[in-house]
Amino acid sequence: MREHLERRARATGKGKNWIINEALRHYLAVDCDPETVAEARRQSLLASASDVLEEEDWTDAADLEQWRNQ
C-alpha cells in the first residue's frame, strides 16, 4: 500500500498526506458520524502541522492512542 501511495503522489504531484486526507474525506462522506469526522479533522490538522511529514512515515506523528484503546 505504501508503494501505491508513493506512486500516486509522484503521478499527481500531490503530497502523501494530501492523498491520505482526500481518501479519508471520501470515506467519511459515506459515513458522516460527527465524532468520526471531528477525529479525522483533528488527526489531519495534527499531521499537516509538520512540514517534514512528506519525507517521513506519517504514522510517526499520528496520534494513535485512541485507536489502540478501542
Protein backbone atom coordinates (compact mmCIF):
# COMPACT_ATOMS: atom_id res chain seq x y z
CA MET A 1 0.00 0.00 0.00
CA ARG A 2 2.88 2.37 0.76
CA GLU A 3 4.34 1.87 -2.73
CA HIS A 4 0.96 2.56 -4.31
CA LEU A 5 0.65 5.75 -2.24
CA GLU A 6 4.12 6.90 -3.25
CA ARG A 7 3.42 6.20 -6.94
CA ARG A 8 0.15 8.13 -6.75
CA ALA A 9 1.88 11.06 -5.03
CA ARG A 10 4.53 11.21 -7.76
CA ALA A 11 1.97 10.85 -10.54
CA THR A 12 -0.32 13.58 -9.23
CA GLY A 13 2.31 15.93 -7.85
CA LYS A 14 0.44 15.91 -4.54
CA GLY A 15 1.88 15.05 -1.14
CA LYS A 16 1.19 11.72 0.50
CA ASN A 17 -0.66 13.42 3.35
CA TRP A 18 -2.90 15.23 0.88
CA ILE A 19 -3.82 11.92 -0.75
CA ILE A 20 -4.50 10.29 2.63
CA ASN A 21 -6.65 13.23 3.71
CA GLU A 22 -8.64 13.09 0.47
CA ALA A 23 -9.17 9.35 0.90
CA LEU A 24 -10.46 9.95 4.43
CA ARG A 25 -12.77 12.72 3.24
CA HIS A 26 -14.25 10.42 0.60
CA TYR A 27 -14.59 7.56 3.05
CA LEU A 28 -16.19 9.73 5.72
CA ALA A 29 -18.61 11.29 3.25
CA VAL A 30 -20.32 7.90 3.15
CA ASP A 31 -20.41 7.54 6.94
CA CYS A 32 -20.93 11.03 8.35
CA ASP A 33 -20.75 10.20 12.04
CA PRO A 34 -19.92 13.62 13.59
CA GLU A 35 -17.48 12.17 16.13
CA THR A 36 -15.56 10.32 13.42
CA VAL A 37 -15.44 13.40 11.21
CA ALA A 38 -14.19 15.54 14.14
CA GLU A 39 -11.47 13.00 14.99
CA ALA A 40 -10.39 12.76 11.35
CA ARG A 41 -10.14 16.55 11.18
CA ARG A 42 -8.10 16.64 14.41
CA GLN A 43 -5.76 13.97 13.04
CA SER A 44 -5.48 15.80 9.73
CA LEU A 45 -4.56 19.07 11.42
CA LEU A 46 -2.05 17.27 13.61
CA ALA A 47 -0.45 15.56 10.61
CA SER A 48 -0.36 18.70 8.49
CA ALA A 49 1.33 20.74 11.25
CA SER A 50 4.77 19.41 10.29
CA ASP A 51 6.49 20.22 7.01
CA VAL A 52 8.72 17.16 7.27
CA LEU A 53 5.89 14.63 7.27
CA GLU A 54 6.07 14.26 3.50
CA GLU A 55 9.56 12.82 3.94
CA GLU A 56 8.81 10.66 6.98
CA ASP A 57 6.39 7.93 7.77
CA TRP A 58 3.14 9.73 8.64
CA THR A 59 2.43 7.23 11.40
CA ASP A 60 5.40 8.58 13.38
CA ALA A 61 3.44 11.79 14.03
CA ALA A 62 -0.02 10.24 14.24
CA ASP A 63 -1.94 10.18 17.49
CA LEU A 64 -2.90 6.52 17.59
CA GLU A 65 -3.60 6.26 21.32
CA GLN A 66 -7.40 6.41 20.98
CA TRP A 67 -7.35 3.72 18.29
CA ARG A 68 -5.34 1.37 20.50
CA ASN A 69 -7.84 1.74 23.34
CA GLN A 70 -10.87 0.75 21.29
